Protein backbone atom coordinates (compact mmCIF):
# COMPACT_ATOMS: atom_id res chain seq x y z
CA VAL A 1 64.53 68.47 177.18
CA ASN A 2 62.73 71.26 178.96
CA LEU A 3 65.26 73.98 179.79
CA LEU A 4 62.85 76.74 180.77
CA HIS A 5 63.83 76.44 184.45
CA GLN A 6 67.47 77.11 183.59
CA PRO A 7 68.51 80.71 184.49
CA SER A 8 70.48 80.98 181.26
CA VAL A 9 67.38 80.50 179.12
CA GLN A 10 66.04 84.01 178.53
CA ALA A 11 63.52 83.25 175.81
CA VAL A 12 62.16 80.57 173.51
CA VAL A 13 62.29 81.12 169.75
CA ILE A 14 60.11 78.98 167.48
CA ASN A 15 60.69 78.91 163.72
CA TYR A 16 58.01 77.32 161.54
CA ARG A 17 57.15 77.18 157.90
CA ASP A 18 53.88 76.17 156.23
CA ILE A 19 54.75 73.22 153.93
CA THR A 20 51.18 72.36 152.98
CA HIS A 21 51.69 73.35 149.34
CA ARG A 22 54.95 71.42 149.13
CA LYS A 23 53.35 68.29 150.54
CA LYS A 24 50.44 68.64 148.16
CA ALA A 25 52.87 69.07 145.26
CA GLU A 26 54.86 66.00 146.35
CA GLN A 27 51.66 63.95 146.60
CA ALA A 28 50.51 65.18 143.20
CA LEU A 29 53.90 64.23 141.73
CA LYS A 30 53.70 60.74 143.25
CA THR A 31 50.20 60.31 141.85
CA ALA A 32 51.32 61.50 138.43
CA ASN A 33 54.28 59.06 138.52
CA ARG A 34 52.00 56.16 139.42
CA GLN A 35 49.64 57.07 136.58
CA LEU A 36 52.56 57.42 134.16
CA ASN A 37 54.03 54.05 135.16
CA ALA A 38 50.61 52.42 134.78
CA ARG A 39 50.23 53.98 131.36
CA LEU A 40 53.70 52.84 130.30
CA ALA A 41 52.87 49.31 131.46
CA GLN A 42 49.68 49.42 129.35
CA ILE A 43 51.66 50.61 126.33
CA GLU A 44 54.26 47.85 126.79
CA GLN A 45 51.48 45.26 127.10
CA LEU A 46 49.81 46.59 123.96
CA GLN A 47 53.10 46.52 122.06
CA SER A 48 53.67 42.94 123.21
CA GLU A 49 50.16 41.94 122.09
CA LEU A 50 50.60 43.65 118.72
CA ARG A 51 53.92 41.88 118.17
CA GLU A 52 52.33 38.58 119.16
CA GLN A 53 49.52 39.17 116.68
CA ALA A 54 52.04 40.04 113.96
CA LEU A 55 53.90 36.76 114.52
CA ARG A 56 50.94 34.39 114.84
CA ASP A 57 48.36 33.05 112.45
CA PRO A 58 44.95 34.42 113.52
CA LEU A 59 43.06 31.15 112.88
CA THR A 60 45.36 28.51 114.39
CA ARG A 61 47.36 30.74 116.76
CA LEU A 62 50.51 29.02 115.52
CA PHE A 63 53.55 31.06 114.54
CA ASN A 64 53.55 32.39 110.97
CA ARG A 65 56.19 32.54 108.23
CA ARG A 66 57.47 35.89 109.48
CA TYR A 67 58.34 34.35 112.83
CA LEU A 68 59.90 31.37 111.07
CA SER A 69 62.22 33.62 109.08
CA GLU A 70 63.25 35.43 112.28
CA THR A 71 63.83 32.21 114.20
CA MET A 72 65.34 29.75 111.74
CA GLU A 73 68.72 31.44 111.33
CA ARG A 74 68.97 32.00 115.07
CA GLU A 75 68.42 28.30 115.72
CA LEU A 76 71.03 27.34 113.10
CA LYS A 77 73.61 29.71 114.59
CA LEU A 78 73.03 28.12 117.98
CA ALA A 79 73.26 24.64 116.43
CA LYS A 80 76.57 25.53 114.76
CA ARG A 81 78.05 26.72 118.05
CA GLU A 82 76.84 23.65 119.95
CA LYS A 83 77.46 21.28 117.01
CA LYS A 84 73.93 19.88 117.14
CA PRO A 85 71.44 19.04 114.37
CA VAL A 86 68.23 20.89 113.57
CA SER A 87 65.44 19.14 111.69
CA VAL A 88 62.53 20.62 109.78
CA ILE A 89 59.25 18.79 109.18
CA VAL A 90 56.91 20.18 106.53
CA MET A 91 53.42 18.71 106.27
CA ASP A 92 50.40 19.29 104.06
CA ILE A 93 46.75 18.24 104.35
CA ASP A 94 45.99 15.84 101.52
CA ARG A 95 43.26 16.91 99.07
CA PHE A 96 42.36 19.90 101.20
CA LYS A 97 40.75 21.75 98.28
CA LYS A 98 38.21 18.94 97.90
CA ILE A 99 37.28 19.29 101.57
CA ASN A 100 36.62 23.01 101.15
CA ASP A 101 34.74 22.51 97.88
CA LYS A 102 32.55 19.67 99.18
CA HIS A 103 31.96 20.64 102.80
CA GLY A 104 32.71 24.38 102.90
CA HIS A 105 35.49 26.54 104.26
CA ARG A 106 34.10 26.37 107.78
CA VAL A 107 34.84 22.64 107.90
CA GLY A 108 38.23 23.28 106.33
CA ASP A 109 39.01 25.83 109.05
CA GLU A 110 37.93 23.33 111.70
CA PHE A 111 40.39 20.78 110.34
CA LEU A 112 43.15 23.40 110.35
CA THR A 113 42.37 24.26 113.96
CA GLU A 114 42.18 20.65 115.14
CA ILE A 115 45.42 19.70 113.40
CA SER A 116 47.09 22.71 115.01
CA LYS A 117 45.96 21.52 118.44
CA MET A 118 47.20 18.02 117.67
CA LEU A 119 50.64 19.34 116.66
CA GLN A 120 50.90 21.44 119.81
CA SER A 121 49.85 18.58 122.08
CA HIS A 122 52.64 16.37 120.71
CA ALA A 123 55.40 19.00 120.61
CA ARG A 124 58.49 19.32 122.76
CA GLY A 125 59.05 22.58 124.61
CA SER A 126 61.84 23.51 122.21
CA ASP A 127 59.86 22.80 119.02
CA ILE A 128 58.71 25.72 116.87
CA ILE A 129 55.38 25.07 115.14
CA CYS A 130 54.26 27.31 112.28
CA ARG A 131 51.41 27.55 109.84
CA TYR A 132 53.56 27.64 106.72
CA GLY A 133 50.82 28.14 104.12
CA GLY A 134 47.13 27.63 103.48
CA GLU A 135 47.09 23.95 104.46
CA GLU A 136 50.79 23.52 105.19
CA PHE A 137 52.42 23.32 108.61
CA LEU A 138 56.08 23.32 109.57
CA ILE A 139 57.93 22.21 112.69
CA VAL A 140 61.49 23.22 113.56
CA MET A 141 63.07 20.65 115.90
CA PRO A 142 66.31 21.93 117.50
CA GLY A 143 68.67 19.11 118.48
CA ALA A 144 66.78 16.46 116.49
CA ASN A 145 68.47 14.40 113.79
CA ALA A 146 66.70 13.07 110.68
CA ARG A 147 65.85 9.76 112.33
CA THR A 148 64.19 11.44 115.30
CA ALA A 149 62.31 13.86 113.04
CA ARG A 150 61.09 11.04 110.82
CA LYS A 151 59.81 9.14 113.86
CA ARG A 152 57.96 12.26 115.08
CA ALA A 153 56.44 12.81 111.63
CA GLU A 154 55.23 9.22 111.53
CA GLN A 155 53.61 9.63 114.94
CA LEU A 156 51.84 12.78 113.79
CA ARG A 157 50.69 11.03 110.63
CA VAL A 158 49.06 8.26 112.68
CA HIS A 159 47.45 10.73 115.08
CA CYS A 160 45.93 12.61 112.16
CA GLU A 161 44.52 9.38 110.71
CA THR A 162 42.56 8.77 113.90
CA MET A 163 41.16 12.31 114.08
CA ARG A 164 37.49 12.84 113.13
CA ILE A 165 35.30 15.91 112.68
CA SER A 166 31.50 15.54 112.70
CA HIS A 167 29.59 17.34 109.96
CA ASN A 168 26.01 16.77 108.81
CA GLY A 169 25.84 13.44 110.59
CA LYS A 170 29.10 12.16 109.13
CA ASP A 171 32.56 11.69 110.63
CA LEU A 172 35.06 13.34 108.31
CA LYS A 173 38.78 12.65 108.32
CA VAL A 174 41.92 13.82 106.54
CA THR A 175 45.49 12.60 106.12
CA LEU A 176 48.82 14.39 106.11
CA SER A 177 51.87 14.06 103.89
CA PHE A 178 55.30 14.87 105.32
CA GLY A 179 58.76 15.95 104.22
CA VAL A 180 61.86 16.01 106.44
CA ALA A 181 65.27 17.66 106.06
CA THR A 182 68.04 18.15 108.60
CA TYR A 183 70.95 20.51 109.27
CA PRO A 184 73.82 19.88 108.64
CA THR A 185 73.16 16.58 106.83
CA HIS A 186 71.06 18.13 104.06
CA GLY A 187 72.31 21.71 104.06
CA THR A 188 73.84 24.52 106.08
CA GLU A 189 71.36 27.37 105.53
CA GLY A 190 67.85 27.69 106.92
CA GLU A 191 66.18 28.41 103.61
CA GLU A 192 67.97 25.46 102.02
CA ILE A 193 66.73 23.07 104.73
CA VAL A 194 63.14 24.30 104.39
CA ILE A 195 63.22 23.99 100.59
CA LYS A 196 64.52 20.42 100.76
CA ALA A 197 61.92 19.45 103.37
CA ASP A 198 59.28 20.93 101.06
CA LYS A 199 60.61 18.93 98.11
CA ALA A 200 60.57 15.78 100.23
CA LEU A 201 56.94 16.56 101.07
CA TYR A 202 55.99 16.67 97.41
CA LYS A 203 57.74 13.36 96.90
CA SER A 204 55.37 11.99 99.54
CA LYS A 205 52.49 13.43 97.51
CA ARG A 206 53.74 11.70 94.36
CA ASN A 207 54.16 8.42 96.26
CA GLY A 208 50.48 8.26 97.16
CA ARG A 209 50.14 10.76 100.06
CA ASN A 210 49.74 9.97 103.76
CA CYS A 211 53.41 9.07 104.17
CA VAL A 212 56.74 10.49 105.36
CA THR A 213 59.74 11.19 103.12
CA VAL A 214 63.21 12.28 104.24
CA TRP A 215 65.19 14.33 101.75
CA GLU A 216 67.79 12.33 99.88
CA GLN A 217 70.53 13.95 97.83
CA ARG A 218 70.37 12.74 94.25
CA ARG A 219 73.42 10.85 93.12
CA ARG A 220 75.10 12.10 89.98
């Protein structure tokens, strides 16, 4: 409001201060904060990628045994609270050494990759698929009993039988042998369940390969 025409106004006093440096400092601080936040986001992304690499097999991109050991006990604790089963399927490529020896490791790696894709394409969202060893794979199935796991293993066995890889004008194929064990029917600890599934797998090997075996407790 202009009061200069008022008789009581004898003078006008203006106070001002140059805040250019302060504004520049505030802008520089904002820029530095943006750069710092961007750098922190890059570091977090890098840490996430490094952890992902540490937990996955580089060839198949499936989880590795380290991830399995971290996850198995967690899944069993959850199963105990919810009183639900957890099944483990262990599978092995039959006569895989002969494939590598006859056709080369490149063909062997291609079979490993294709089988990994097949397992992922037929998995539930809750399933945990791991590369358990050189030619061994493992699936943890939360909430699945032995009957359900056996049915899944049989489906995977059939899918593998139909899979072909072309090499030097020939269509090559492999088969899988399976072992199944279930919490709490066959044990109460994660390592125990995996060991029994592995033993069931080798029973499949002894029974002629390309079949599914569910762990059975030996009667005394």
